[in-house]
Structures are given as structure tokens and as C-alpha cells.
């Protein structure tokens, strides 16, 4: 059988036989990212320059052909930072506000927690562009995610806390926020077109829209 496996942060694996897709039942577990990838494949979308960012991962590019994408943001937050002059862009998928919440924080990727993800992304862009500093250097930021996916008795809204932590750090580094799409109760998929600098957001049951 010819096919491929899709692995996602929810730790589910879907094995899909593409040539005989119509003869297989695909189980949906509300992982919007899996269905999005299938839609792109079936629509014939050219994906050679699609760069997928997973939880805790960070990616920076100045290749105008690249599309950077992260799937199935629930309470997680996607932070996009751009340097328009050099057309250098970066995206990080953040899962928690602070690394002290994790006993094994040192084993996690730098992008996993906001307090390490924001400086790591800014430093990577600074290195890529040759800027002296990330502060007051013409960088701009965009945020998406931070939804309330579960209602807890103690009202601990982790998505809101991540958003606030990211905003506090961006203010400290003097990086202005150009646009945000945060909160609510829906998952989001975020796409960054490096060439144009445009950021797109899609949610289950809605069309992809430009975030501005």
C-alpha cells in the first residue's frame, strides 16, 4: 500500500492510502490540521515549499517561495515576527506561558514556552538579518490562537496567559503588534507567506482569511 503517515501534537497517527482514498474511512478526532493537509493534497496545491512548524518549534526564512504553517492551534499561540526591509519572517508555536511550569523545561524546545520562545525567535531573526539588536529595528509582530478549549473550575485560561506573556515580552523588546486574532473557542491554522509577509488564519468551518 502506498501512502503516508501524518503525525501531530495530539499524538495521533493517521495512515492514509492516497491512491485509494475514497475507499477508506478517515477517522476525524477534531484535529483540524490533518483535514487541512488532506484538502491541500486533494486540491493539488503545490506544497514543495510548505514548511510546517510543530509545537515548540521555530522557523525563520527569507525565501520568498516559502509558506510557513502551523496547524491546530487551540490554547497555543502562533507568534509571527517580520523584518519587512529584508523580507525575513519567523513563526513559533507556543504551548505555555512560562517555563517554570515545567519540571523538565530544559528538555523542551525553546519555542515551547513564551518566556523562552519570544527571545529565541527575535534572536534568530536578528542573526538572519544581521541586525545589531532586535529592539527598535523595524520588526513587527502578529499573534493568533490562545483559545479557551476547556472550561475549568479554577478558570485558569492558559491561552489568555500565553497571549499576555507574549505581549509583555514584545513590549519589553519594543516590537509593535500589527494584528491579532486571539481568544474565542475555536482552533486555528496559521499560514505565513514569506514573500508577501501576509498572515492567514483558518478555523474549522470557515474560509481562510487575511489577518490584518
C-alpha atoms as a PDB file:
ATOM      1  CA  UNK A   1       0.000   0.000   0.000  1.00  0.00           C
ATOM      2  CA  UNK A   2       1.332   3.395  -0.936  1.00  0.00           C
ATOM      3  CA  UNK A   3       0.565   6.185   1.489  1.00  0.00           C
ATOM      4  CA  UNK A   4       1.973   8.349   4.217  1.00  0.00           C
ATOM      5  CA  UNK A   5       1.606   8.823   7.946  1.00  0.00           C
ATOM      6  CA  UNK A   6       0.537  12.120   9.477  1.00  0.00           C
ATOM      7  CA  UNK A   7       1.845  12.728  12.976  1.00  0.00           C
ATOM      8  CA  UNK A   8       0.505  15.567  15.082  1.00  0.00           C
ATOM      9  CA  UNK A   9       0.986  17.053  18.542  1.00  0.00           C
ATOM     10  CA  UNK A  10      -2.154  15.290  19.734  1.00  0.00           C
ATOM     11  CA  UNK A  11      -0.027  12.143  19.309  1.00  0.00           C
ATOM     12  CA  UNK A  12      -2.465  10.508  16.912  1.00  0.00           C
ATOM     13  CA  UNK A  13      -1.189   8.907  13.737  1.00  0.00           C
ATOM     14  CA  UNK A  14      -3.289   8.605  10.609  1.00  0.00           C
ATOM     15  CA  UNK A  15      -2.154   6.207   7.882  1.00  0.00           C
ATOM     16  CA  UNK A  16      -3.771   7.209   4.631  1.00  0.00           C
ATOM     17  CA  UNK A  17      -3.681   5.313   1.368  1.00  0.00           C
ATOM     18  CA  UNK A  18      -3.806   8.193  -1.088  1.00  0.00           C
ATOM     19  CA  UNK A  19      -4.465   6.315  -4.367  1.00  0.00           C
ATOM     20  CA  UNK A  20      -7.475   4.580  -2.832  1.00  0.00           C
ATOM     21  CA  UNK A  21      -8.537   7.368  -0.506  1.00  0.00           C
ATOM     22  CA  UNK A  22     -12.206   7.141  -1.463  1.00  0.00           C
ATOM     23  CA  UNK A  23     -12.322   3.535  -0.312  1.00  0.00           C
ATOM     24  CA  UNK A  24     -11.045   4.221   3.169  1.00  0.00           C
ATOM     25  CA  UNK A  25     -12.790   5.774   6.102  1.00  0.00           C
ATOM     26  CA  UNK A  26     -10.708   8.518   7.667  1.00  0.00           C
ATOM     27  CA  UNK A  27     -11.317   8.933  11.359  1.00  0.00           C
ATOM     28  CA  UNK A  28     -11.590  12.548  12.446  1.00  0.00           C
ATOM     29  CA  UNK A  29     -10.617  13.373  16.054  1.00  0.00           C
ATOM     30  CA  UNK A  30     -11.217  17.114  15.660  1.00  0.00           C
ATOM     31  CA  UNK A  31      -7.621  17.612  14.551  1.00  0.00           C
ATOM     32  CA  UNK A  32      -8.191  20.353  12.002  1.00  0.00           C
ATOM     33  CA  UNK A  33      -4.620  20.170  10.755  1.00  0.00           C
ATOM     34  CA  UNK A  34      -4.979  16.620   9.405  1.00  0.00           C
ATOM     35  CA  UNK A  35      -8.049  17.516   7.382  1.00  0.00           C
ATOM     36  CA  UNK A  36      -6.378  20.690   6.108  1.00  0.00           C
ATOM     37  CA  UNK A  37      -3.402  18.755   4.762  1.00  0.00           C
ATOM     38  CA  UNK A  38      -5.707  16.276   3.023  1.00  0.00           C
ATOM     39  CA  UNK A  39      -7.628  19.113   1.445  1.00  0.00           C
ATOM     40  CA  UNK A  40      -4.433  20.653   0.129  1.00  0.00           C
ATOM     41  CA  UNK A  41      -3.290  17.315  -1.276  1.00  0.00           C
ATOM     42  CA  UNK A  42      -6.575  16.569  -2.993  1.00  0.00           C
ATOM     43  CA  UNK A  43      -6.796  20.111  -4.363  1.00  0.00           C
ATOM     44  CA  UNK A  44      -3.381  19.657  -5.935  1.00  0.00           C
ATOM     45  CA  UNK A  45      -1.795  22.513  -4.000  1.00  0.00           C
ATOM     46  CA  UNK A  46       1.929  22.790  -4.671  1.00  0.00           C
ATOM     47  CA  UNK A  47       3.486  22.001  -1.306  1.00  0.00           C
ATOM     48  CA  UNK A  48       7.183  21.799  -2.178  1.00  0.00           C
ATOM     49  CA  UNK A  49       7.876  24.990  -0.208  1.00  0.00           C
ATOM     50  CA  UNK A  50       5.432  24.360   2.604  1.00  0.00           C
ATOM     51  CA  UNK A  51       7.295  24.453   5.933  1.00  0.00           C
ATOM     52  CA  UNK A  52       5.296  23.030   8.843  1.00  0.00           C
ATOM     53  CA  UNK A  53       6.039  24.207  12.378  1.00  0.00           C
ATOM     54  CA  UNK A  54       5.088  21.890  15.233  1.00  0.00           C
ATOM     55  CA  UNK A  55       4.527  22.605  18.917  1.00  0.00           C
ATOM     56  CA  UNK A  56       7.580  24.294  20.431  1.00  0.00           C
ATOM     57  CA  UNK A  57       9.230  24.711  17.047  1.00  0.00           C
ATOM     58  CA  UNK A  58      10.503  27.921  15.497  1.00  0.00           C
ATOM     59  CA  UNK A  59      11.280  28.621  11.852  1.00  0.00           C
ATOM     60  CA  UNK A  60      12.805  31.695  10.192  1.00  0.00           C
ATOM     61  CA  UNK A  61      13.049  32.217   6.424  1.00  0.00           C
ATOM     62  CA  UNK A  62      13.770  34.868   3.817  1.00  0.00           C
ATOM     63  CA  UNK A  63      12.935  32.597   0.865  1.00  0.00           C
ATOM     64  CA  UNK A  64      10.052  34.317  -0.907  1.00  0.00           C
ATOM     65  CA  UNK A  65       8.735  30.956  -2.143  1.00  0.00           C
ATOM     66  CA  UNK A  66       8.243  29.565   1.373  1.00  0.00           C
ATOM     67  CA  UNK A  67       4.901  29.162   3.094  1.00  0.00           C
ATOM     68  CA  UNK A  68       5.334  28.627   6.851  1.00  0.00           C
ATOM     69  CA  UNK A  69       2.363  26.990   8.526  1.00  0.00           C
ATOM     70  CA  UNK A  70       1.323  25.698  11.927  1.00  0.00           C
ATOM     71  CA  UNK A  71      -1.784  23.589  12.457  1.00  0.00           C
ATOM     72  CA  UNK A  72      -4.475  23.093  15.079  1.00  0.00           C
ATOM     73  CA  UNK A  73      -3.783  25.955  17.470  1.00  0.00           C
ATOM     74  CA  UNK A  74      -6.123  25.584  20.421  1.00  0.00           C
ATOM     75  CA  UNK A  75      -4.919  27.352  23.543  1.00  0.00           C
ATOM     76  CA  UNK A  76      -1.479  27.523  21.902  1.00  0.00           C
ATOM     77  CA  UNK A  77      -0.335  30.757  20.279  1.00  0.00           C
ATOM     78  CA  UNK A  78       1.418  31.319  16.960  1.00  0.00           C
ATOM     79  CA  UNK A  79       3.740  34.317  17.065  1.00  0.00           C
ATOM     80  CA  UNK A  80       4.874  35.717  13.721  1.00  0.00           C
ATOM     81  CA  UNK A  81       7.685  38.287  13.646  1.00  0.00           C
ATOM     82  CA  UNK A  82       8.783  40.014  10.448  1.00  0.00           C
ATOM     83  CA  UNK A  83      11.526  42.361   9.309  1.00  0.00           C
ATOM     84  CA  UNK A  84       9.844  43.956   6.257  1.00  0.00           C
ATOM     85  CA  UNK A  85      13.012  45.645   4.948  1.00  0.00           C
ATOM     86  CA  UNK A  86      14.829  42.331   4.436  1.00  0.00           C
ATOM     87  CA  UNK A  87      11.611  40.292   3.996  1.00  0.00           C
ATOM     88  CA  UNK A  88      12.726  37.946   6.726  1.00  0.00           C
ATOM     89  CA  UNK A  89       9.930  36.229   8.643  1.00  0.00           C
ATOM     90  CA  UNK A  90       9.680  33.808  11.523  1.00  0.00           C
ATOM     91  CA  UNK A  91       6.974  31.790  13.259  1.00  0.00           C
ATOM     92  CA  UNK A  92       6.964  29.986  16.602  1.00  0.00           C
ATOM     93  CA  UNK A  93       4.239  27.711  18.061  1.00  0.00           C
ATOM     94  CA  UNK A  94       3.970  28.405  21.808  1.00  0.00           C
ATOM     95  CA  UNK A  95       2.255  25.992  24.212  1.00  0.00           C
ATOM     96  CA  UNK A  96       2.760  27.513  27.685  1.00  0.00           C
ATOM     97  CA  UNK A  97       3.354  30.975  29.146  1.00  0.00           C
ATOM     98  CA  UNK A  98       6.305  30.230  31.445  1.00  0.00           C
ATOM     99  CA  UNK A  99       8.996  27.561  31.535  1.00  0.00           C
ATOM    100  CA  UNK A 100       8.860  27.318  35.343  1.00  0.00           C
ATOM    101  CA  UNK A 101       5.551  25.490  34.883  1.00  0.00           C
ATOM    102  CA  UNK A 102       7.508  22.518  33.526  1.00  0.00           C
ATOM    103  CA  UNK A 103       9.644  20.244  35.673  1.00  0.00           C
ATOM    104  CA  UNK A 104      11.613  19.205  32.581  1.00  0.00           C
ATOM    105  CA  UNK A 105      11.760  22.618  30.898  1.00  0.00           C
ATOM    106  CA  UNK A 106      15.396  22.154  29.857  1.00  0.00           C
ATOM    107  CA  UNK A 107      14.398  19.139  27.790  1.00  0.00           C
ATOM    108  CA  UNK A 108      11.781  21.117  25.876  1.00  0.00           C
ATOM    109  CA  UNK A 109      12.395  23.108  22.720  1.00  0.00           C
ATOM    110  CA  UNK A 110      12.970  26.828  23.210  1.00  0.00           C
ATOM    111  CA  UNK A 111       9.732  27.627  21.450  1.00  0.00           C
ATOM    112  CA  UNK A 112       7.563  25.635  23.847  1.00  0.00           C
ATOM    113  CA  UNK A 113       7.140  28.373  26.481  1.00  0.00           C
ATOM    114  CA  UNK A 114       6.602  32.068  25.815  1.00  0.00           C
ATOM    115  CA  UNK A 115       9.377  33.282  28.118  1.00  0.00           C
ATOM    116  CA  UNK A 116      11.972  31.412  26.042  1.00  0.00           C
ATOM    117  CA  UNK A 117      10.180  31.398  22.665  1.00  0.00           C
ATOM    118  CA  UNK A 118       9.949  35.156  22.152  1.00  0.00           C
ATOM    119  CA  UNK A 119      13.643  35.963  22.760  1.00  0.00           C
ATOM    120  CA  UNK A 120      14.683  32.873  20.761  1.00  0.00           C
ATOM    121  CA  UNK A 121      12.638  33.922  17.721  1.00  0.00           C
ATOM    122  CA  UNK A 122      13.858  37.526  17.905  1.00  0.00           C
ATOM    123  CA  UNK A 123      17.473  36.398  18.195  1.00  0.00           C
ATOM    124  CA  UNK A 124      17.141  34.053  15.226  1.00  0.00           C
ATOM    125  CA  UNK A 125      15.729  36.873  13.086  1.00  0.00           C
ATOM    126  CA  UNK A 126      18.467  39.225  14.316  1.00  0.00           C
ATOM    127  CA  UNK A 127      21.143  36.722  13.251  1.00  0.00           C
ATOM    128  CA  UNK A 128      19.496  36.082   9.904  1.00  0.00           C
ATOM    129  CA  UNK A 129      19.204  39.786   9.071  1.00  0.00           C
ATOM    130  CA  UNK A 130      22.483  40.945  10.590  1.00  0.00           C
ATOM    131  CA  UNK A 131      20.706  43.468  12.824  1.00  0.00           C
ATOM    132  CA  UNK A 132      22.648  44.854  15.748  1.00  0.00           C
ATOM    133  CA  UNK A 133      19.684  44.369  18.050  1.00  0.00           C
ATOM    134  CA  UNK A 134      16.093  43.150  17.857  1.00  0.00           C
ATOM    135  CA  UNK A 135      14.954  46.269  19.703  1.00  0.00           C
ATOM    136  CA  UNK A 136      13.774  49.269  17.661  1.00  0.00           C
ATOM    137  CA  UNK A 137      14.961  47.587  14.452  1.00  0.00           C
ATOM    138  CA  UNK A 138      11.786  47.740  12.393  1.00  0.00           C
ATOM    139  CA  UNK A 139      10.413  44.355  13.477  1.00  0.00           C
ATOM    140  CA  UNK A 140       6.642  43.835  13.630  1.00  0.00           C
ATOM    141  CA  UNK A 141       4.625  41.027  15.202  1.00  0.00           C
ATOM    142  CA  UNK A 142       1.354  39.188  14.599  1.00  0.00           C
ATOM    143  CA  UNK A 143      -0.395  36.800  17.018  1.00  0.00           C
ATOM    144  CA  UNK A 144      -3.084  34.157  16.611  1.00  0.00           C
ATOM    145  CA  UNK A 145      -4.505  31.465  18.882  1.00  0.00           C
ATOM    146  CA  UNK A 146      -4.993  31.463  22.626  1.00  0.00           C
ATOM    147  CA  UNK A 147      -8.489  29.961  22.505  1.00  0.00           C
ATOM    148  CA  UNK A 148     -10.368  28.633  25.524  1.00  0.00           C
ATOM    149  CA  UNK A 149     -10.691  24.967  24.555  1.00  0.00           C
ATOM    150  CA  UNK A 150     -11.692  23.691  28.018  1.00  0.00           C
ATOM    151  CA  UNK A 151     -13.644  25.306  30.832  1.00  0.00           C
ATOM    152  CA  UNK A 152     -12.027  24.575  34.179  1.00  0.00           C
ATOM    153  CA  UNK A 153     -13.462  25.251  37.620  1.00  0.00           C
ATOM    154  CA  UNK A 154     -10.487  27.369  38.628  1.00  0.00           C
ATOM    155  CA  UNK A 155     -10.907  29.425  35.443  1.00  0.00           C
ATOM    156  CA  UNK A 156      -7.230  29.018  34.536  1.00  0.00           C
ATOM    157  CA  UNK A 157      -7.279  30.322  30.969  1.00  0.00           C
ATOM    158  CA  UNK A 158      -3.913  29.159  29.653  1.00  0.00           C
ATOM    159  CA  UNK A 159      -4.427  30.651  26.192  1.00  0.00           C
ATOM    160  CA  UNK A 160      -5.078  34.083  27.644  1.00  0.00           C
ATOM    161  CA  UNK A 161      -1.988  33.782  29.836  1.00  0.00           C
ATOM    162  CA  UNK A 162       0.186  32.885  26.851  1.00  0.00           C
ATOM    163  CA  UNK A 163      -1.124  35.859  24.875  1.00  0.00           C
ATOM    164  CA  UNK A 164      -0.480  38.239  27.765  1.00  0.00           C
ATOM    165  CA  UNK A 165       3.030  36.877  28.311  1.00  0.00           C
ATOM    166  CA  UNK A 166       3.886  37.278  24.630  1.00  0.00           C
ATOM    167  CA  UNK A 167       2.516  40.837  24.584  1.00  0.00           C
ATOM    168  CA  UNK A 168       4.517  41.753  27.701  1.00  0.00           C
ATOM    169  CA  UNK A 169       7.736  40.424  26.163  1.00  0.00           C
ATOM    170  CA  UNK A 170       7.145  42.150  22.828  1.00  0.00           C
ATOM    171  CA  UNK A 171       6.622  45.414  24.674  1.00  0.00           C
ATOM    172  CA  UNK A 172       9.878  44.856  26.545  1.00  0.00           C
ATOM    173  CA  UNK A 173      11.707  44.336  23.247  1.00  0.00           C
ATOM    174  CA  UNK A 174       9.863  47.301  21.683  1.00  0.00           C
ATOM    175  CA  UNK A 175       8.347  45.183  18.901  1.00  0.00           C
ATOM    176  CA  UNK A 176       4.912  46.573  17.883  1.00  0.00           C
ATOM    177  CA  UNK A 177       1.965  44.246  17.232  1.00  0.00           C
ATOM    178  CA  UNK A 178       0.439  44.796  13.795  1.00  0.00           C
ATOM    179  CA  UNK A 179      -2.520  42.407  14.149  1.00  0.00           C
ATOM    180  CA  UNK A 180      -4.033  39.784  16.437  1.00  0.00           C
ATOM    181  CA  UNK A 181      -6.681  37.083  16.223  1.00  0.00           C
ATOM    182  CA  UNK A 182      -6.847  35.576  19.700  1.00  0.00           C
ATOM    183  CA  UNK A 183      -9.314  34.102  22.186  1.00  0.00           C
ATOM    184  CA  UNK A 184     -12.653  32.545  21.384  1.00  0.00           C
ATOM    185  CA  UNK A 185     -13.319  28.816  21.450  1.00  0.00           C
ATOM    186  CA  UNK A 186     -12.088  27.640  18.037  1.00  0.00           C
ATOM    187  CA  UNK A 187      -8.850  26.111  16.833  1.00  0.00           C
ATOM    188  CA  UNK A 188      -6.820  27.952  14.223  1.00  0.00           C
ATOM    189  CA  UNK A 189      -4.362  27.137  11.471  1.00  0.00           C
ATOM    190  CA  UNK A 190      -1.919  29.950  10.707  1.00  0.00           C
ATOM    191  CA  UNK A 191      -0.033  30.387   7.436  1.00  0.00           C
ATOM    192  CA  UNK A 192       2.738  32.883   6.732  1.00  0.00           C
ATOM    193  CA  UNK A 193       3.604  33.737   3.118  1.00  0.00           C
ATOM    194  CA  UNK A 194       7.233  34.783   3.364  1.00  0.00           C
ATOM    195  CA  UNK A 195       7.347  36.561   0.007  1.00  0.00           C
ATOM    196  CA  UNK A 196       4.466  38.918   0.756  1.00  0.00           C
ATOM    197  CA  UNK A 197       4.592  38.863   4.543  1.00  0.00           C
ATOM    198  CA  UNK A 198       0.867  38.110   4.636  1.00  0.00           C
ATOM    199  CA  UNK A 199      -0.523  36.064   7.523  1.00  0.00           C
ATOM    200  CA  UNK A 200      -3.615  33.924   7.003  1.00  0.00           C
ATOM    201  CA  UNK A 201      -5.854  32.284   9.601  1.00  0.00           C
ATOM    202  CA  UNK A 202      -8.314  29.426   9.083  1.00  0.00           C
ATOM    203  CA  UNK A 203     -10.678  27.674  11.503  1.00  0.00           C
ATOM    204  CA  UNK A 204     -12.933  24.630  11.080  1.00  0.00           C
ATOM    205  CA  UNK A 205     -15.965  25.566   9.003  1.00  0.00           C
ATOM    206  CA  UNK A 206     -14.587  28.945   7.910  1.00  0.00           C
ATOM    207  CA  UNK A 207     -12.633  30.171   4.919  1.00  0.00           C
ATOM    208  CA  UNK A 208      -9.017  31.189   5.272  1.00  0.00           C
ATOM    209  CA  UNK A 209      -8.767  34.926   5.879  1.00  0.00           C
ATOM    210  CA  UNK A 210      -6.029  37.520   5.772  1.00  0.00           C
ATOM    211  CA  UNK A 211      -5.050  38.740   9.220  1.00  0.00           C
ATOM    212  CA  UNK A 212      -4.535  42.490   9.183  1.00  0.00           C
END
